[in-house]
Amino acid sequence: MKQSEIFELTDKELKERLDNEKDYMSRLRLNHAISPLDNPNKIVETRRRIARMMTETTRRQKEVQSESGES
């Protein structure tokens, strides 16, 4: 998922996708611990996607806080 696609998501969609990615990441790690994955870079890619989504979530929270602080 590209950063531009993350920008277009609503807060609710972003939270749902983030939860799904975290679940997927835990399943990948478990599967990799049991038997090596064909492409272990999937773990890295998923971790980066999660980080992008969390960054956008934090940015939106700070934006809301700064707007409410200006009043």
PDB file of N, CA and C in Angstrom:
ATOM      1  N   MET A   1       0.850  -1.171   0.000  1.00  0.00           N
ATOM      2  CA  MET A   1       0.000   0.000   0.000  1.00  0.00           C
ATOM      3  C   MET A   1       0.893   1.230   0.000  1.00  0.00           C
ATOM      4  N   LYS A   2       0.624   2.116  -0.925  1.00  0.00           N
ATOM      5  CA  LYS A   2       1.419   3.326  -1.050  1.00  0.00           C
ATOM      6  C   LYS A   2       0.952   4.380  -0.052  1.00  0.00           C
ATOM      7  N   GLN A   3       1.832   5.338   0.212  1.00  0.00           N
ATOM      8  CA  GLN A   3       1.509   6.406   1.147  1.00  0.00           C
ATOM      9  C   GLN A   3       0.304   7.208   0.665  1.00  0.00           C
ATOM     10  N   SER A   4       0.199   7.426  -0.637  1.00  0.00           N
ATOM     11  CA  SER A   4      -0.933   8.177  -1.174  1.00  0.00           C
ATOM     12  C   SER A   4      -2.257   7.445  -0.923  1.00  0.00           C
ATOM     13  N   GLU A   5      -2.238   6.114  -0.946  1.00  0.00           N
ATOM     14  CA  GLU A   5      -3.442   5.336  -0.658  1.00  0.00           C
ATOM     15  C   GLU A   5      -3.816   5.445   0.817  1.00  0.00           C
ATOM     16  N   ILE A   6      -2.821   5.529   1.674  1.00  0.00           N
ATOM     17  CA  ILE A   6      -3.075   5.665   3.107  1.00  0.00           C
ATOM     18  C   ILE A   6      -3.714   7.016   3.399  1.00  0.00           C
ATOM     19  N   PHE A   7      -3.272   8.072   2.717  1.00  0.00           N
ATOM     20  CA  PHE A   7      -3.841   9.413   2.906  1.00  0.00           C
ATOM     21  C   PHE A   7      -5.332   9.435   2.593  1.00  0.00           C
ATOM     22  N   GLU A   8      -5.757   8.635   1.621  1.00  0.00           N
ATOM     23  CA  GLU A   8      -7.140   8.658   1.163  1.00  0.00           C
ATOM     24  C   GLU A   8      -8.103   7.910   2.090  1.00  0.00           C
ATOM     25  N   LEU A   9      -7.579   7.093   2.991  1.00  0.00           N
ATOM     26  CA  LEU A   9      -8.431   6.305   3.877  1.00  0.00           C
ATOM     27  C   LEU A   9      -9.054   7.184   4.962  1.00  0.00           C
ATOM     28  N   THR A  10     -10.256   6.811   5.368  1.00  0.00           N
ATOM     29  CA  THR A  10     -10.875   7.496   6.499  1.00  0.00           C
ATOM     30  C   THR A  10     -10.230   6.963   7.779  1.00  0.00           C
ATOM     31  N   ASP A  11     -10.501   7.614   8.889  1.00  0.00           N
ATOM     32  CA  ASP A  11      -9.926   7.178  10.164  1.00  0.00           C
ATOM     33  C   ASP A  11     -10.344   5.755  10.508  1.00  0.00           C
ATOM     34  N   LYS A  12     -11.616   5.459  10.282  1.00  0.00           N
ATOM     35  CA  LYS A  12     -12.141   4.123  10.591  1.00  0.00           C
ATOM     36  C   LYS A  12     -11.482   3.057   9.708  1.00  0.00           C
ATOM     37  N   GLU A  13     -11.372   3.335   8.412  1.00  0.00           N
ATOM     38  CA  GLU A  13     -10.743   2.391   7.489  1.00  0.00           C
ATOM     39  C   GLU A  13      -9.272   2.188   7.848  1.00  0.00           C
ATOM     40  N   LEU A  14      -8.617   3.277   8.215  1.00  0.00           N
ATOM     41  CA  LEU A  14      -7.205   3.194   8.576  1.00  0.00           C
ATOM     42  C   LEU A  14      -7.016   2.307   9.803  1.00  0.00           C
ATOM     43  N   LYS A  15      -7.863   2.461  10.790  1.00  0.00           N
ATOM     44  CA  LYS A  15      -7.770   1.645  12.001  1.00  0.00           C
ATOM     45  C   LYS A  15      -8.023   0.170  11.685  1.00  0.00           C
ATOM     46  N   GLU A  16      -9.022  -0.104  10.842  1.00  0.00           N
ATOM     47  CA  GLU A  16      -9.324  -1.484  10.464  1.00  0.00           C
ATOM     48  C   GLU A  16      -8.153  -2.113   9.707  1.00  0.00           C
ATOM     49  N   ARG A  17      -7.605  -1.384   8.768  1.00  0.00           N
ATOM     50  CA  ARG A  17      -6.475  -1.907   7.997  1.00  0.00           C
ATOM     51  C   ARG A  17      -5.262  -2.137   8.894  1.00  0.00           C
ATOM     52  N   LEU A  18      -5.041  -1.219   9.824  1.00  0.00           N
ATOM     53  CA  LEU A  18      -3.918  -1.357  10.745  1.00  0.00           C
ATOM     54  C   LEU A  18      -4.080  -2.606  11.605  1.00  0.00           C
ATOM     55  N   ASP A  19      -5.262  -2.841  12.113  1.00  0.00           N
ATOM     56  CA  ASP A  19      -5.525  -4.047  12.902  1.00  0.00           C
ATOM     57  C   ASP A  19      -5.312  -5.313  12.061  1.00  0.00           C
ATOM     58  N   ASN A  20      -5.784  -5.278  10.818  1.00  0.00           N
ATOM     59  CA  ASN A  20      -5.605  -6.431   9.928  1.00  0.00           C
ATOM     60  C   ASN A  20      -4.129  -6.695   9.648  1.00  0.00           C
ATOM     61  N   GLU A  21      -3.374  -5.636   9.419  1.00  0.00           N
ATOM     62  CA  GLU A  21      -1.944  -5.788   9.137  1.00  0.00           C
ATOM     63  C   GLU A  21      -1.199  -6.338  10.352  1.00  0.00           C
ATOM     64  N   LYS A  22      -1.583  -5.903  11.544  1.00  0.00           N
ATOM     65  CA  LYS A  22      -0.940  -6.405  12.755  1.00  0.00           C
ATOM     66  C   LYS A  22      -1.230  -7.896  12.937  1.00  0.00           C
ATOM     67  N   ASP A  23      -2.467  -8.305  12.660  1.00  0.00           N
ATOM     68  CA  ASP A  23      -2.814  -9.725  12.728  1.00  0.00           C
ATOM     69  C   ASP A  23      -2.015 -10.525  11.702  1.00  0.00           C
ATOM     70  N   TYR A  24      -1.920  -9.995  10.488  1.00  0.00           N
ATOM     71  CA  TYR A  24      -1.175 -10.654   9.419  1.00  0.00           C
ATOM     72  C   TYR A  24       0.299 -10.795   9.803  1.00  0.00           C
ATOM     73  N   MET A  25       0.846  -9.745  10.413  1.00  0.00           N
ATOM     74  CA  MET A  25       2.244  -9.759  10.829  1.00  0.00           C
ATOM     75  C   MET A  25       2.486 -10.847  11.879  1.00  0.00           C
ATOM     76  N   SER A  26       1.586 -10.967  12.827  1.00  0.00           N
ATOM     77  CA  SER A  26       1.764 -11.993  13.860  1.00  0.00           C
ATOM     78  C   SER A  26       1.675 -13.395  13.260  1.00  0.00           C
ATOM     79  N   ARG A  27       0.763 -13.585  12.294  1.00  0.00           N
ATOM     80  CA  ARG A  27       0.667 -14.891  11.631  1.00  0.00           C
ATOM     81  C   ARG A  27       1.933 -15.196  10.834  1.00  0.00           C
ATOM     82  N   LEU A  28       2.470 -14.165  10.139  1.00  0.00           N
ATOM     83  CA  LEU A  28       3.703 -14.368   9.376  1.00  0.00           C
ATOM     84  C   LEU A  28       4.849 -14.778  10.288  1.00  0.00           C
ATOM     85  N   ARG A  29       4.988 -14.087  11.407  1.00  0.00           N
ATOM     86  CA  ARG A  29       6.075 -14.409  12.342  1.00  0.00           C
ATOM     87  C   ARG A  29       5.931 -15.815  12.899  1.00  0.00           C
ATOM     88  N   LEU A  30       4.707 -16.195  13.239  1.00  0.00           N
ATOM     89  CA  LEU A  30       4.478 -17.537  13.764  1.00  0.00           C
ATOM     90  C   LEU A  30       4.817 -18.588  12.705  1.00  0.00           C
ATOM     91  N   ASN A  31       4.335 -18.383  11.497  1.00  0.00           N
ATOM     92  CA  ASN A  31       4.617 -19.332  10.418  1.00  0.00           C
ATOM     93  C   ASN A  31       6.113 -19.412  10.128  1.00  0.00           C
ATOM     94  N   HIS A  32       6.791 -18.280  10.202  1.00  0.00           N
ATOM     95  CA  HIS A  32       8.221 -18.252   9.922  1.00  0.00           C
ATOM     96  C   HIS A  32       8.997 -18.970  11.032  1.00  0.00           C
ATOM     97  N   ALA A  33       8.500 -18.901  12.259  1.00  0.00           N
ATOM     98  CA  ALA A  33       9.162 -19.588  13.369  1.00  0.00           C
ATOM     99  C   ALA A  33       9.014 -21.106  13.236  1.00  0.00           C
ATOM    100  N   ILE A  34       7.879 -21.535  12.707  1.00  0.00           N
ATOM    101  CA  ILE A  34       7.635 -22.968  12.559  1.00  0.00           C
ATOM    102  C   ILE A  34       8.418 -23.526  11.371  1.00  0.00           C
ATOM    103  N   SER A  35       8.265 -22.894  10.233  1.00  0.00           N
ATOM    104  CA  SER A  35       9.022 -23.292   9.042  1.00  0.00           C
ATOM    105  C   SER A  35       9.329 -22.039   8.241  1.00  0.00           C
ATOM    106  N   PRO A  36      10.532 -21.928   7.694  1.00  0.00           N
ATOM    107  CA  PRO A  36      10.925 -20.704   6.980  1.00  0.00           C
ATOM    108  C   PRO A  36       9.965 -20.363   5.838  1.00  0.00           C
ATOM    109  N   LEU A  37       9.690 -19.073   5.714  1.00  0.00           N
ATOM    110  CA  LEU A  37       8.833 -18.596   4.627  1.00  0.00           C
ATOM    111  C   LEU A  37       9.593 -18.643   3.315  1.00  0.00           C
ATOM    112  N   ASP A  38       8.859 -18.740   2.208  1.00  0.00           N
ATOM    113  CA  ASP A  38       9.486 -18.689   0.890  1.00  0.00           C
ATOM    114  C   ASP A  38      10.124 -17.324   0.671  1.00  0.00           C
ATOM    115  N   ASN A  39       9.426 -16.288   1.121  1.00  0.00           N
ATOM    116  CA  ASN A  39       9.934 -14.931   0.962  1.00  0.00           C
ATOM    117  C   ASN A  39       9.870 -14.209   2.310  1.00  0.00           C
ATOM    118  N   PRO A  40      10.938 -14.265   3.096  1.00  0.00           N
ATOM    119  CA  PRO A  40      10.916 -13.629   4.406  1.00  0.00           C
ATOM    120  C   PRO A  40      10.838 -12.108   4.344  1.00  0.00           C
ATOM    121  N   ASN A  41      11.016 -11.533   3.180  1.00  0.00           N
ATOM    122  CA  ASN A  41      10.882 -10.077   3.033  1.00  0.00           C
ATOM    123  C   ASN A  41       9.448  -9.627   3.227  1.00  0.00           C
ATOM    124  N   LYS A  42       8.498 -10.552   3.191  1.00  0.00           N
ATOM    125  CA  LYS A  42       7.105 -10.199   3.466  1.00  0.00           C
ATOM    126  C   LYS A  42       6.974  -9.629   4.869  1.00  0.00           C
ATOM    127  N   ILE A  43       7.777 -10.148   5.800  1.00  0.00           N
ATOM    128  CA  ILE A  43       7.746  -9.644   7.175  1.00  0.00           C
ATOM    129  C   ILE A  43       8.200  -8.182   7.197  1.00  0.00           C
ATOM    130  N   VAL A  44       9.266  -7.891   6.486  1.00  0.00           N
ATOM    131  CA  VAL A  44       9.803  -6.527   6.435  1.00  0.00           C
ATOM    132  C   VAL A  44       8.789  -5.587   5.778  1.00  0.00           C
ATOM    133  N   GLU A  45       8.210  -6.013   4.676  1.00  0.00           N
ATOM    134  CA  GLU A  45       7.234  -5.189   3.966  1.00  0.00           C
ATOM    135  C   GLU A  45       6.017  -4.898   4.837  1.00  0.00           C
ATOM    136  N   THR A  46       5.560  -5.911   5.552  1.00  0.00           N
ATOM    137  CA  THR A  46       4.395  -5.742   6.424  1.00  0.00           C
ATOM    138  C   THR A  46       4.718  -4.795   7.567  1.00  0.00           C
ATOM    139  N   ARG A  47       5.900  -4.949   8.155  1.00  0.00           N
ATOM    140  CA  ARG A  47       6.304  -4.060   9.247  1.00  0.00           C
ATOM    141  C   ARG A  47       6.352  -2.607   8.773  1.00  0.00           C
ATOM    142  N   ARG A  48       6.843  -2.386   7.579  1.00  0.00           N
ATOM    143  CA  ARG A  48       6.916  -1.024   7.033  1.00  0.00           C
ATOM    144  C   ARG A  48       5.525  -0.459   6.750  1.00  0.00           C
ATOM    145  N   ARG A  49       4.618  -1.306   6.249  1.00  0.00           N
ATOM    146  CA  ARG A  49       3.236  -0.866   6.019  1.00  0.00           C
ATOM    147  C   ARG A  49       2.578  -0.448   7.328  1.00  0.00           C
ATOM    148  N   ILE A  50       2.812  -1.244   8.371  1.00  0.00           N
ATOM    149  CA  ILE A  50       2.267  -0.914   9.687  1.00  0.00           C
ATOM    150  C   ILE A  50       2.833   0.413  10.165  1.00  0.00           C
ATOM    151  N   ALA A  51       4.122   0.615   9.987  1.00  0.00           N
ATOM    152  CA  ALA A  51       4.752   1.865  10.415  1.00  0.00           C
ATOM    153  C   ALA A  51       4.177   3.060   9.664  1.00  0.00           C
ATOM    154  N   ARG A  52       3.942   2.910   8.377  1.00  0.00           N
ATOM    155  CA  ARG A  52       3.347   4.005   7.593  1.00  0.00           C
ATOM    156  C   ARG A  52       1.956   4.363   8.101  1.00  0.00           C
ATOM    157  N   MET A  53       1.174   3.319   8.388  1.00  0.00           N
ATOM    158  CA  MET A  53      -0.184   3.557   8.878  1.00  0.00           C
ATOM    159  C   MET A  53      -0.169   4.193  10.269  1.00  0.00           C
ATOM    160  N   MET A  54       0.719   3.745  11.108  1.00  0.00           N
ATOM    161  CA  MET A  54       0.812   4.323  12.448  1.00  0.00           C
ATOM    162  C   MET A  54       1.283   5.781  12.384  1.00  0.00           C
ATOM    163  N   THR A  55       2.181   6.072  11.465  1.00  0.00           N
ATOM    164  CA  THR A  55       2.643   7.447  11.280  1.00  0.00           C
ATOM    165  C   THR A  55       1.495   8.338  10.845  1.00  0.00           C
ATOM    166  N   GLU A  56       0.687   7.862   9.921  1.00  0.00           N
ATOM    167  CA  GLU A  56      -0.463   8.650   9.452  1.00  0.00           C
ATOM    168  C   GLU A  56      -1.475   8.835  10.581  1.00  0.00           C
ATOM    169  N   THR A  57      -1.688   7.805  11.382  1.00  0.00           N
ATOM    170  CA  THR A  57      -2.605   7.911  12.511  1.00  0.00           C
ATOM    171  C   THR A  57      -2.125   8.991  13.489  1.00  0.00           C
ATOM    172  N   THR A  58      -0.841   8.965  13.799  1.00  0.00           N
ATOM    173  CA  THR A  58      -0.267   9.957  14.712  1.00  0.00           C
ATOM    174  C   THR A  58      -0.372  11.360  14.126  1.00  0.00           C
ATOM    175  N   ARG A  59      -0.115  11.490  12.828  1.00  0.00           N
ATOM    176  CA  ARG A  59      -0.200  12.791  12.179  1.00  0.00           C
ATOM    177  C   ARG A  59      -1.614  13.355  12.277  1.00  0.00           C
ATOM    178  N   ARG A  60      -2.605  12.490  12.058  1.00  0.00           N
ATOM    179  CA  ARG A  60      -3.995  12.931  12.130  1.00  0.00           C
ATOM    180  C   ARG A  60      -4.380  13.324  13.556  1.00  0.00           C
ATOM    181  N   GLN A  61      -3.895  12.582  14.534  1.00  0.00           N
ATOM    182  CA  GLN A  61      -4.191  12.918  15.929  1.00  0.00           C
ATOM    183  C   GLN A  61      -3.582  14.262  16.300  1.00  0.00           C
ATOM    184  N   LYS A  62      -2.366  14.504  15.874  1.00  0.00           N
ATOM    185  CA  LYS A  62      -1.711  15.782  16.169  1.00  0.00           C
ATOM    186  C   LYS A  62      -2.418  16.931  15.460  1.00  0.00           C
ATOM    187  N   GLU A  63      -2.901  16.665  14.260  1.00  0.00           N
ATOM    188  CA  GLU A  63      -3.629  17.678  13.503  1.00  0.00           C
ATOM    189  C   GLU A  63      -4.907  18.066  14.239  1.00  0.00           C
ATOM    190  N   VAL A  64      -5.622  17.094  14.761  1.00  0.00           N
ATOM    191  CA  VAL A  64      -6.857  17.352  15.507  1.00  0.00           C
ATOM    192  C   VAL A  64      -6.542  18.110  16.795  1.00  0.00           C
ATOM    193  N   GLN A  65      -5.470  17.729  17.483  1.00  0.00           N
ATOM    194  CA  GLN A  65      -5.092  18.404  18.716  1.00  0.00           C
ATOM    195  C   GLN A  65      -4.707  19.863  18.462  1.00  0.00           C
ATOM    196  N   SER A  66      -3.992  20.104  17.380  1.00  0.00           N
ATOM    197  CA  SER A  66      -3.570  21.474  17.082  1.00  0.00           C
ATOM    198  C   SER A  66      -4.780  22.333  16.693  1.00  0.00           C
ATOM    199  N   GLU A  67      -5.757  21.742  16.023  1.00  0.00           N
ATOM    200  CA  GLU A  67      -6.962  22.487  15.665  1.00  0.00           C
ATOM    201  C   GLU A  67      -7.779  22.814  16.903  1.00  0.00           C
ATOM    202  N   SER A  68      -7.879  21.871  17.826  1.00  0.00           N
ATOM    203  CA  SER A  68      -8.666  22.131  19.027  1.00  0.00           C
ATOM    204  C   SER A  68      -7.929  23.073  19.980  1.00  0.00           C
ATOM    205  N   GLY A  69      -6.608  23.102  19.908  1.00  0.00           N
ATOM    206  CA  GLY A  69      -5.832  23.993  20.752  1.00  0.00           C
ATOM    207  C   GLY A  69      -5.869  25.433  20.300  1.00  0.00           C
ATOM    208  N   GLU A  70      -6.157  25.674  19.048  1.00  0.00           N
ATOM    209  CA  GLU A  70      -6.188  27.032  18.489  1.00  0.00           C
ATOM    210  C   GLU A  70      -7.458  27.775  18.891  1.00  0.00           C
ATOM    211  N   SER A  71      -8.516  27.065  19.261  1.00  0.00           N
ATOM    212  CA  SER A  71      -9.805  27.681  19.570  1.00  0.00           C
ATOM    213  C   SER A  71      -9.730  28.579  20.759  1.00  0.00           C
TER     214      SER A  71
END
